[in-house]
C-alpha atoms as a PDB file:
ATOM      1  CA  MET A   1      -6.233   3.433  13.299  1.00  0.00           C
ATOM      2  CA  ALA A   2      -9.570   3.289  11.567  1.00  0.00           C
ATOM      3  CA  THR A   3     -11.894   5.850  10.087  1.00  0.00           C
ATOM      4  CA  SER A   4     -15.397   6.621   8.997  1.00  0.00           C
ATOM      5  CA  CYS A   5     -16.213   6.663   5.292  1.00  0.00           C
ATOM      6  CA  GLY A   6     -16.691  10.429   5.506  1.00  0.00           C
ATOM      7  CA  TYR A   7     -13.121  10.799   6.661  1.00  0.00           C
ATOM      8  CA  GLU A   8     -11.857   8.533   3.873  1.00  0.00           C
ATOM      9  CA  PHE A   9     -13.470  10.562   1.076  1.00  0.00           C
ATOM     10  CA  GLN A  10     -10.789  13.257   1.011  1.00  0.00           C
ATOM     11  CA  LEU A  11      -8.422  13.809  -1.906  1.00  0.00           C
ATOM     12  CA  LYS A  12      -5.381  13.647   0.384  1.00  0.00           C
ATOM     13  CA  HIS A  13      -6.096   9.969   0.931  1.00  0.00           C
ATOM     14  CA  PHE A  14      -5.164   9.126  -2.626  1.00  0.00           C
ATOM     15  CA  ALA A  15      -1.675   9.736  -1.267  1.00  0.00           C
ATOM     16  CA  PHE A  16      -0.203   9.036   2.189  1.00  0.00           C
ATOM     17  CA  ALA A  17      -1.781  11.493   4.583  1.00  0.00           C
ATOM     18  CA  ASP A  18      -2.456  10.940   8.278  1.00  0.00           C
ATOM     19  CA  ALA A  19      -0.049   8.159   9.147  1.00  0.00           C
ATOM     20  CA  SER A  20       2.859   7.896  11.530  1.00  0.00           C
ATOM     21  CA  ALA A  21       6.135   6.073  10.973  1.00  0.00           C
ATOM     22  CA  SER A  22       5.459   4.106  14.135  1.00  0.00           C
ATOM     23  CA  ASP A  23       2.562   2.405  12.329  1.00  0.00           C
ATOM     24  CA  PHE A  24       5.198   0.494  10.348  1.00  0.00           C
ATOM     25  CA  TYR A  25       7.309  -0.550  13.358  1.00  0.00           C
ATOM     26  CA  VAL A  26       4.896  -2.282  15.743  1.00  0.00           C
ATOM     27  CA  SER A  27       1.768  -4.413  15.732  1.00  0.00           C
ATOM     28  CA  GLN A  28      -1.789  -3.333  16.441  1.00  0.00           C
ATOM     29  CA  TRP A  29      -1.733  -5.819  19.319  1.00  0.00           C
ATOM     30  CA  PHE A  30       1.735  -5.630  20.914  1.00  0.00           C
ATOM     31  CA  ASN A  31       4.281  -2.863  21.271  1.00  0.00           C
ATOM     32  CA  SER A  32       7.595  -4.725  21.126  1.00  0.00           C
ATOM     33  CA  LYS A  33       9.595  -3.702  18.067  1.00  0.00           C
ATOM     34  CA  ILE A  34      11.856  -6.731  18.451  1.00  0.00           C
ATOM     35  CA  LEU A  35       8.925  -9.121  18.457  1.00  0.00           C
ATOM     36  CA  PHE A  36       7.494  -7.361  15.408  1.00  0.00           C
ATOM     37  CA  VAL A  37      10.801  -7.705  13.536  1.00  0.00           C
ATOM     38  CA  LEU A  38      10.821 -11.426  14.358  1.00  0.00           C
ATOM     39  CA  TYR A  39       7.285 -11.730  13.000  1.00  0.00           C
ATOM     40  CA  ARG A  40       8.272  -9.907   9.806  1.00  0.00           C
ATOM     41  CA  ALA A  41      11.371 -12.100   9.415  1.00  0.00           C
ATOM     42  CA  PHE A  42       9.363 -15.297   9.823  1.00  0.00           C
ATOM     43  CA  MET A  43       6.783 -14.226   7.241  1.00  0.00           C
ATOM     44  CA  PHE A  44       9.470 -13.195   4.758  1.00  0.00           C
ATOM     45  CA  LEU A  45      11.452 -16.436   5.101  1.00  0.00           C
ATOM     46  CA  TYR A  46       8.298 -18.553   4.909  1.00  0.00           C
ATOM     47  CA  CYS A  47       7.155 -16.857   1.690  1.00  0.00           C
ATOM     48  CA  LEU A  48      10.656 -16.854   0.174  1.00  0.00           C
ATOM     49  CA  ILE A  49      11.202 -20.579   0.770  1.00  0.00           C
ATOM     50  CA  TRP A  50       7.777 -21.470  -0.601  1.00  0.00           C
ATOM     51  CA  SER A  51       8.199 -19.210  -3.625  1.00  0.00           C
ATOM     52  CA  ILE A  52      11.571 -20.718  -4.518  1.00  0.00           C
ATOM     53  CA  ASN A  53      10.098 -24.193  -4.142  1.00  0.00           C
ATOM     54  CA  THR A  54       7.030 -23.494  -6.289  1.00  0.00           C
ATOM     55  CA  THR A  55       9.135 -21.712  -8.911  1.00  0.00           C
ATOM     56  CA  ILE A  56      11.373 -24.767  -9.312  1.00  0.00           C
ATOM     57  CA  ILE A  57       8.291 -26.953  -9.725  1.00  0.00           C
ATOM     58  CA  LEU A  58       6.293 -24.679 -12.014  1.00  0.00           C
ATOM     59  CA  VAL A  59       9.103 -23.620 -14.333  1.00  0.00           C
ATOM     60  CA  GLU A  60       9.322 -27.218 -15.499  1.00  0.00           C
ATOM     61  CA  ALA A  61       5.561 -27.488 -16.015  1.00  0.00           C
ATOM     62  CA  TYR A  62       5.029 -23.988 -17.451  1.00  0.00           C
ATOM     63  CA  PRO A  63       8.136 -22.775 -19.347  1.00  0.00           C
ATOM     64  CA  ILE A  64       6.804 -19.194 -19.641  1.00  0.00           C
ATOM     65  CA  TYR A  65       6.583 -18.912 -15.861  1.00  0.00           C
ATOM     66  CA  VAL A  66       6.329 -15.112 -15.801  1.00  0.00           C
ATOM     67  CA  ALA A  67       3.146 -15.139 -17.891  1.00  0.00           C
ATOM     68  CA  TYR A  68       0.849 -16.123 -15.031  1.00  0.00           C
ATOM     69  CA  LEU A  69      -0.673 -13.766 -12.482  1.00  0.00           C
ATOM     70  CA  SER A  70      -0.481 -16.364  -9.702  1.00  0.00           C
ATOM     71  CA  ASN A  71       3.307 -16.330  -9.995  1.00  0.00           C
ATOM     72  CA  TRP A  72       3.376 -12.543 -10.015  1.00  0.00           C
ATOM     73  CA  ALA A  73       1.225 -12.471  -6.892  1.00  0.00           C
ATOM     74  CA  GLU A  74       3.400 -15.025  -5.112  1.00  0.00           C
ATOM     75  CA  TRP A  75       6.618 -13.077  -5.642  1.00  0.00           C
ATOM     76  CA  THR A  76       4.885  -9.787  -4.852  1.00  0.00           C
ATOM     77  CA  LEU A  77       4.087 -11.371  -1.488  1.00  0.00           C
ATOM     78  CA  VAL A  78       7.810 -11.978  -0.988  1.00  0.00           C
ATOM     79  CA  VAL A  79       8.639  -8.383  -1.939  1.00  0.00           C
ATOM     80  CA  HIS A  80       5.993  -7.072   0.463  1.00  0.00           C
ATOM     81  CA  PHE A  81       7.330  -8.996   3.443  1.00  0.00           C
ATOM     82  CA  LEU A  82      10.936  -8.106   2.543  1.00  0.00           C
ATOM     83  CA  LEU A  83      10.146  -4.371   2.436  1.00  0.00           C
ATOM     84  CA  ALA A  84       8.081  -4.613   5.611  1.00  0.00           C
ATOM     85  CA  LEU A  85      10.940  -6.434   7.352  1.00  0.00           C
ATOM     86  CA  LEU A  86      13.545  -3.870   6.281  1.00  0.00           C
ATOM     87  CA  VAL A  87      11.341  -0.979   7.444  1.00  0.00           C
ATOM     88  CA  ALA A  88      10.667  -2.715  10.774  1.00  0.00           C
ATOM     89  CA  ILE A  89      14.432  -3.195  11.252  1.00  0.00           C
ATOM     90  CA  TYR A  90      14.943   0.479  10.443  1.00  0.00           C
ATOM     91  CA  GLY A  91      12.365   1.373  13.069  1.00  0.00           C
ATOM     92  CA  LEU A  92      14.095  -0.861  15.604  1.00  0.00           C
ATOM     93  CA  PHE A  93      17.507   0.770  15.213  1.00  0.00           C
ATOM     94  CA  SER A  94      16.612   4.317  14.202  1.00  0.00           C
ATOM     95  CA  GLN A  95      17.567   6.910  16.801  1.00  0.00           C
ATOM     96  CA  SER A  96      15.752   9.797  15.110  1.00  0.00           C
ATOM     97  CA  ARG A  97      12.754  10.191  17.374  1.00  0.00           C
ATOM     98  CA  ASP A  98      10.919  13.232  18.582  1.00  0.00           C
ATOM     99  CA  SER A  99       8.138  13.543  21.106  1.00  0.00           C
ATOM    100  CA  THR A 100       5.322  13.200  18.583  1.00  0.00           C
ATOM    101  CA  SER A 101       6.766  10.283  16.639  1.00  0.00           C
ATOM    102  CA  THR A 102       6.081   8.053  19.624  1.00  0.00           C
ATOM    103  CA  GLU A 103       2.383   8.746  19.301  1.00  0.00           C
ATOM    104  CA  VAL A 104       0.690   5.629  18.044  1.00  0.00           C
ATOM    105  CA  GLY A 105      -1.097   6.421  14.810  1.00  0.00           C
ATOM    106  CA  CYS A 106      -2.683   9.734  13.880  1.00  0.00           C
ATOM    107  CA  CYS A 107      -5.409  10.005  16.433  1.00  0.00           C
ATOM    108  CA  PRO A 108      -8.024  12.729  16.222  1.00  0.00           C
ATOM    109  CA  GLY A 109      -7.105  15.580  18.473  1.00  0.00           C
ATOM    110  CA  ASN A 110      -3.392  14.759  18.322  1.00  0.00           C
ATOM    111  CA  GLN A 111      -0.813  16.322  16.064  1.00  0.00           C
ATOM    112  CA  CYS A 112       0.115  13.729  13.462  1.00  0.00           C
ATOM    113  CA  ASN A 113       3.829  13.729  12.840  1.00  0.00           C
ATOM    114  CA  ASN A 114       3.755  13.126   9.095  1.00  0.00           C
ATOM    115  CA  GLY A 115       7.298  14.447   8.834  1.00  0.00           C
ATOM    116  CA  ASP A 116       8.743  11.169  10.086  1.00  0.00           C
ATOM    117  CA  VAL A 117       7.045   9.198   7.299  1.00  0.00           C
ATOM    118  CA  ARG A 118       9.613   8.839   4.528  1.00  0.00           C
ATOM    119  CA  TRP A 119       9.592   7.535   0.962  1.00  0.00           C
ATOM    120  CA  PHE A 120      10.250   3.937   2.005  1.00  0.00           C
ATOM    121  CA  HIS A 121       7.193   4.018   4.274  1.00  0.00           C
ATOM    122  CA  HIS A 122       5.155   5.155   1.272  1.00  0.00           C
ATOM    123  CA  LEU A 123       6.632   2.372  -0.861  1.00  0.00           C
ATOM    124  CA  THR A 124       5.864  -0.238   1.791  1.00  0.00           C
ATOM    125  CA  TRP A 125       2.319   1.080   2.068  1.00  0.00           C
ATOM    126  CA  VAL A 126       1.740   0.893  -1.698  1.00  0.00           C
ATOM    127  CA  VAL A 127       3.197  -2.614  -1.943  1.00  0.00           C
ATOM    128  CA  LEU A 128       1.075  -3.803   0.997  1.00  0.00           C
ATOM    129  CA  THR A 129      -2.092  -2.518  -0.669  1.00  0.00           C
ATOM    130  CA  ALA A 130      -1.248  -3.935  -4.093  1.00  0.00           C
ATOM    131  CA  THR A 131      -0.128  -7.274  -2.645  1.00  0.00           C
ATOM    132  CA  ALA A 132      -3.335  -7.751  -0.673  1.00  0.00           C
ATOM    133  CA  GLY A 133      -5.477  -6.825  -3.669  1.00  0.00           C
ATOM    134  CA  VAL A 134      -3.755  -9.012  -6.239  1.00  0.00           C
ATOM    135  CA  ASN A 135      -3.620 -12.046  -3.957  1.00  0.00           C
ATOM    136  CA  PHE A 136      -7.317 -11.765  -3.120  1.00  0.00           C
ATOM    137  CA  ILE A 137      -8.032 -11.452  -6.866  1.00  0.00           C
ATOM    138  CA  VAL A 138      -5.913 -14.513  -7.656  1.00  0.00           C
ATOM    139  CA  THR A 139      -7.664 -16.604  -5.011  1.00  0.00           C
ATOM    140  CA  ILE A 140     -11.159 -15.569  -6.092  1.00  0.00           C
ATOM    141  CA  ILE A 141     -10.572 -15.966  -9.837  1.00  0.00           C
ATOM    142  CA  TYR A 142      -8.830 -19.311  -9.431  1.00  0.00           C
ATOM    143  CA  TRP A 143     -11.511 -20.946  -7.314  1.00  0.00           C
ATOM    144  CA  ALA A 144     -14.337 -19.375  -9.288  1.00  0.00           C
ATOM    145  CA  PHE A 145     -13.110 -20.140 -12.819  1.00  0.00           C
ATOM    146  CA  LEU A 146      -9.903 -22.188 -12.945  1.00  0.00           C
ATOM    147  CA  SER A 147      -9.976 -24.766 -10.148  1.00  0.00           C
ATOM    148  CA  GLY A 148     -10.966 -27.563 -12.537  1.00  0.00           C
ATOM    149  CA  ILE A 149      -7.678 -27.517 -14.467  1.00  0.00           C
ATOM    150  CA  SER A 150      -4.882 -29.949 -13.653  1.00  0.00           C
ATOM    151  CA  VAL A 151      -2.035 -28.676 -11.477  1.00  0.00           C
ATOM    152  CA  ALA A 152       1.655 -29.486 -11.439  1.00  0.00           C
ATOM    153  CA  SER A 153       1.819 -29.647  -7.637  1.00  0.00           C
ATOM    154  CA  VAL A 154      -1.004 -29.723  -5.094  1.00  0.00           C
ATOM    155  CA  PRO A 155       1.091 -28.151  -2.289  1.00  0.00           C
ATOM    156  CA  ALA A 156       2.244 -25.365  -4.620  1.00  0.00           C
ATOM    157  CA  ASN A 157      -1.338 -24.850  -5.766  1.00  0.00           C
ATOM    158  CA  VAL A 158      -2.562 -24.570  -2.169  1.00  0.00           C
ATOM    159  CA  HIS A 159       0.175 -22.067  -1.347  1.00  0.00           C
ATOM    160  CA  GLN A 160      -0.510 -19.909  -4.405  1.00  0.00           C
ATOM    161  CA  HIS A 161      -4.304 -19.934  -4.219  1.00  0.00           C
ATOM    162  CA  ILE A 162      -5.229 -20.365  -0.555  1.00  0.00           C
ATOM    163  CA  MET A 163      -2.291 -19.556   1.702  1.00  0.00           C
ATOM    164  CA  ASN A 164      -1.543 -16.388  -0.260  1.00  0.00           C
ATOM    165  CA  SER A 165      -4.781 -14.777   0.909  1.00  0.00           C
ATOM    166  CA  VAL A 166      -4.545 -16.305   4.385  1.00  0.00           C
ATOM    167  CA  LEU A 167      -1.123 -14.700   4.832  1.00  0.00           C
ATOM    168  CA  MET A 168      -2.391 -11.307   3.697  1.00  0.00           C
ATOM    169  CA  ILE A 169      -5.431 -11.434   5.980  1.00  0.00           C
ATOM    170  CA  LEU A 170      -3.147 -12.371   8.856  1.00  0.00           C
ATOM    171  CA  ASP A 171      -0.795  -9.506   8.051  1.00  0.00           C
ATOM    172  CA  ILE A 172      -3.576  -6.937   7.808  1.00  0.00           C
ATOM    173  CA  PHE A 173      -4.780  -8.015  11.249  1.00  0.00           C
ATOM    174  CA  ILE A 174      -1.340  -8.091  12.897  1.00  0.00           C
ATOM    175  CA  SER A 175       0.172  -4.924  11.433  1.00  0.00           C
ATOM    176  CA  ARG A 176      -0.831  -1.376  12.310  1.00  0.00           C
ATOM    177  CA  ILE A 177      -0.568   0.092   8.824  1.00  0.00           C
ATOM    178  CA  PRO A 178      -3.886   1.670   7.770  1.00  0.00           C
ATOM    179  CA  ILE A 179      -5.741   0.679   4.617  1.00  0.00           C
ATOM    180  CA  ARG A 180      -7.037   3.738   2.769  1.00  0.00           C
ATOM    181  CA  LEU A 181     -10.181   3.446   0.672  1.00  0.00           C
ATOM    182  CA  PHE A 182      -8.743   5.492  -2.201  1.00  0.00           C
ATOM    183  CA  HIS A 183      -5.664   3.288  -2.383  1.00  0.00           C
ATOM    184  CA  PHE A 184      -7.609   0.971  -4.699  1.00  0.00           C
ATOM    185  CA  ILE A 185      -5.754   2.846  -7.448  1.00  0.00           C
ATOM    186  CA  TYR A 186      -2.589   0.897  -6.584  1.00  0.00           C
ATOM    187  CA  VAL A 187      -4.398  -2.405  -7.050  1.00  0.00           C
ATOM    188  CA  SER A 188      -5.740  -1.171 -10.387  1.00  0.00           C
ATOM    189  CA  LEU A 189      -2.265  -0.025 -11.474  1.00  0.00           C
ATOM    190  CA  TYR A 190      -0.883  -3.458 -10.635  1.00  0.00           C
ATOM    191  CA  GLY A 191      -3.596  -5.046 -12.752  1.00  0.00           C
ATOM    192  CA  LEU A 192      -2.926  -2.638 -15.604  1.00  0.00           C
ATOM    193  CA  THR A 193       0.777  -3.503 -15.487  1.00  0.00           C
ATOM    194  CA  TYR A 194       0.033  -7.217 -15.765  1.00  0.00           C
ATOM    195  CA  VAL A 195      -2.418  -6.686 -18.640  1.00  0.00           C
ATOM    196  CA  LEU A 196       0.121  -4.613 -20.567  1.00  0.00           C
ATOM    197  CA  PHE A 197       2.717  -7.319 -19.969  1.00  0.00           C
ATOM    198  CA  THR A 198       0.422  -9.983 -21.450  1.00  0.00           C
ATOM    199  CA  ALA A 199      -0.253  -7.719 -24.429  1.00  0.00           C
ATOM    200  CA  ILE A 200       3.499  -7.377 -24.984  1.00  0.00           C
ATOM    201  CA  LEU A 201       3.944 -11.172 -24.856  1.00  0.00           C
ATOM    202  CA  HIS A 202       1.099 -11.533 -27.360  1.00  0.00           C
ATOM    203  CA  GLY A 203       2.516  -8.867 -29.664  1.00  0.00           C
ATOM    204  CA  ALA A 204       5.924 -10.523 -29.563  1.00  0.00           C
ATOM    205  CA  ASP A 205       4.386 -13.919 -30.432  1.00  0.00           C
ATOM    206  CA  VAL A 206       5.648 -15.372 -27.174  1.00  0.00           C
ATOM    207  CA  LYS A 207       2.272 -16.329 -25.674  1.00  0.00           C
ATOM    208  CA  SER A 208      -1.339 -15.384 -26.359  1.00  0.00           C
ATOM    209  CA  ALA A 209      -3.475 -17.807 -24.323  1.00  0.00           C
ATOM    210  CA  PHE A 210      -2.985 -17.204 -20.616  1.00  0.00           C
ATOM    211  CA  TYR A 211      -6.245 -18.350 -19.033  1.00  0.00           C
ATOM    212  CA  THR A 212      -8.803 -20.292 -21.096  1.00  0.00           C
ATOM    213  CA  ASN A 213     -12.048 -18.358 -21.629  1.00  0.00           C
ATOM    214  CA  LEU A 214     -10.708 -15.445 -19.589  1.00  0.00           C
ATOM    215  CA  LEU A 215      -7.487 -14.118 -21.105  1.00  0.00           C
ATOM    216  CA  ASP A 216      -6.680 -15.260 -24.625  1.00  0.00           C
ATOM    217  CA  TRP A 217      -5.630 -12.435 -26.941  1.00  0.00           C
ATOM    218  CA  GLU A 218      -5.637 -14.636 -30.044  1.00  0.00           C
ATOM    219  CA  SER A 219      -8.810 -16.726 -29.773  1.00  0.00           C
ATOM    220  CA  ALA A 220     -10.985 -14.352 -27.746  1.00  0.00           C
ATOM    221  CA  PRO A 221      -9.608 -10.792 -27.884  1.00  0.00           C
ATOM    222  CA  GLY A 222     -12.986  -9.163 -27.201  1.00  0.00           C
ATOM    223  CA  ILE A 223     -13.690 -11.244 -24.108  1.00  0.00           C
ATOM    224  CA  SER A 224     -10.114 -10.766 -22.919  1.00  0.00           C
ATOM    225  CA  ALA A 225     -10.340  -6.991 -23.307  1.00  0.00           C
ATOM    226  CA  GLY A 226     -13.664  -6.919 -21.469  1.00  0.00           C
ATOM    227  CA  VAL A 227     -12.315  -9.060 -18.625  1.00  0.00           C
ATOM    228  CA  CYS A 228      -9.230  -6.881 -18.265  1.00  0.00           C
ATOM    229  CA  VAL A 229     -11.122  -3.575 -18.312  1.00  0.00           C
ATOM    230  CA  GLY A 230     -13.716  -4.904 -15.906  1.00  0.00           C
ATOM    231  CA  LEU A 231     -11.085  -6.221 -13.512  1.00  0.00           C
ATOM    232  CA  ILE A 232      -9.059  -3.002 -13.549  1.00  0.00           C
ATOM    233  CA  VAL A 233     -11.932  -0.506 -13.428  1.00  0.00           C
ATOM    234  CA  VAL A 234     -14.516  -2.396 -11.379  1.00  0.00           C
ATOM    235  CA  GLY A 235     -12.993  -5.556  -9.917  1.00  0.00           C
ATOM    236  CA  SER A 236      -9.919  -4.030  -8.297  1.00  0.00           C
ATOM    237  CA  PRO A 237     -11.831  -1.348  -6.340  1.00  0.00           C
ATOM    238  CA  ILE A 238     -14.344  -3.956  -5.182  1.00  0.00           C
ATOM    239  CA  ILE A 239     -11.618  -6.392  -4.110  1.00  0.00           C
ATOM    240  CA  HIS A 240      -9.846  -3.558  -2.312  1.00  0.00           C
ATOM    241  CA  LEU A 241     -12.964  -3.217  -0.176  1.00  0.00           C
ATOM    242  CA  VAL A 242     -12.077  -6.645   1.236  1.00  0.00           C
ATOM    243  CA  SER A 243      -8.766  -5.269   2.542  1.00  0.00           C
ATOM    244  CA  PHE A 244     -10.516  -2.137   3.761  1.00  0.00           C
ATOM    245  CA  GLY A 245     -13.110  -4.268   5.530  1.00  0.00           C
ATOM    246  CA  PHE A 246     -10.508  -6.418   7.290  1.00  0.00           C
ATOM    247  CA  TYR A 247      -8.742  -3.241   8.394  1.00  0.00           C
ATOM    248  CA  HIS A 248     -11.939  -1.913   9.946  1.00  0.00           C
ATOM    249  CA  LEU A 249     -12.669  -5.265  11.566  1.00  0.00           C
ATOM    250  CA  ARG A 250      -9.197  -5.140  13.115  1.00  0.00           C
ATOM    251  CA  ALA A 251      -9.899  -1.635  14.379  1.00  0.00           C
ATOM    252  CA  PHE A 252     -13.313  -2.647  15.703  1.00  0.00           C
ATOM    253  CA  ILE A 253     -11.819  -5.518  17.704  1.00  0.00           C
ATOM    254  CA  ALA A 254      -9.028  -3.296  19.046  1.00  0.00           C
ATOM    255  CA  ARG A 255     -11.483  -0.519  19.862  1.00  0.00           C
ATOM    256  CA  SER A 256     -13.722  -2.993  21.679  1.00  0.00           C
ATOM    257  CA  GLY A 257     -10.713  -3.807  23.815  1.00  0.00           C
ATOM    258  CA  GLY A 258     -10.513  -0.198  24.947  1.00  0.00           C
ATOM    259  CA  CYS A 259      -7.771   1.320  22.780  1.00  0.00           C
ATOM    260  CA  SER A 260      -9.703   3.987  20.868  1.00  0.00           C
ATOM    261  CA  SER A 261      -9.898   7.727  20.586  1.00  0.00           C
ATOM    262  CA  THR A 262     -12.578   9.984  19.124  1.00  0.00           C
ATOM    263  CA  SER A 263     -12.020  13.637  18.502  1.00  0.00           C
ATOM    264  CA  SER A 264     -11.068  15.913  15.596  1.00  0.00           C
ATOM    265  CA  GLU A 265      -8.402  15.381  12.979  1.00  0.00           C
ATOM    266  CA  ASN A 266      -5.051  17.087  13.232  1.00  0.00           C
ATOM    267  CA  SER A 267      -6.286  19.696  10.805  1.00  0.00           C
ATOM    268  CA  GLY A 268      -8.536  21.005  13.558  1.00  0.00           C
ATOM    269  CA  GLU A 269     -11.684  20.250  11.585  1.00  0.00           C
ATOM    270  CA  ASP A 270     -14.343  17.959  12.962  1.00  0.00           C
ATOM    271  CA  ASN A 271     -14.058  14.359  11.907  1.00  0.00           C
ATOM    272  CA  SER A 272     -17.094  12.150  12.190  1.00  0.00           C
ATOM    273  CA  GLY A 273     -14.834   9.110  12.108  1.00  0.00           C
ATOM    274  CA  PHE A 274     -12.314   7.852  14.538  1.00  0.00           C
ATOM    275  CA  GLU A 275      -8.666   6.871  14.549  1.00  0.00           C
ATOM    276  CA  MET A 276      -7.246   4.076  16.626  1.00  0.00           C
ATOM    277  CA  SER A 277      -4.721   4.942  19.287  1.00  0.00           C
ATOM    278  CA  HIS A 278      -2.244   2.760  21.106  1.00  0.00           C
ATOM    279  CA  PRO A 279       0.158   2.983  24.018  1.00  0.00           C
ATOM    280  CA  LYS A 280       3.695   4.064  23.395  1.00  0.00           C
ATOM    281  CA  GLU A 281       5.687   1.308  21.676  1.00  0.00           C
ATOM    282  CA  ASP A 282       8.515  -0.549  23.387  1.00  0.00           C
ATOM    283  CA  VAL A 283      11.814  -1.682  21.964  1.00  0.00           C
END
């Protein structure tokens, strides 16, 4: 599905409104649940194997492995694909279906069966949004400010700072989970969590210098505070627009192929936007 900006600017979209459980079980491009589970399994195993490999390499080079955002982002990628895989498997074997849960997405003019969206769908949605945001941030910051530093492993560096974003772009395009504009708050919360963690390490005299000239609580506390506030308050929402843009590009391509619907939202009120629709999914 995809929407206009007018549709996105509603308070309900800070949460998890207007989605169907089926959005988590099939792709935007094919309706086979089995094929989608295989895709999710491949992505999870690929990320898990790479993350284990890079962890073994980097722990030797950087003893305080958990201090670096790149490592956080890499393992968050693993968590995302694990959750997405488990939810896709649930969708494959779940027998609890009603007539509206087979509707693809929450299309305007159709009743959106929000009742079949459970807490684990919400969790998967949040993790997807945060994972995309933090990996885009890691890629941009690394190549803009840190690419000149020596690395312990070129393959690990490529995986953490190039392939991480490639995988997330690919997943946004293949999946059918919507990206909500107001969900930038989950990217900001992720950033806030990391900043607080670095502050704790600094306060405990474990580590103070994380990224030269960017995040060093001992030598440059003012610059570090400014960078952190700017990234959380301004940077994260802007980076989230990248995910939002890829989502709309996906919808535009799908809509150009003929799978679109324009009408009113399930509330009965007019919606100037649109929501993507799809045929009924297959097992």
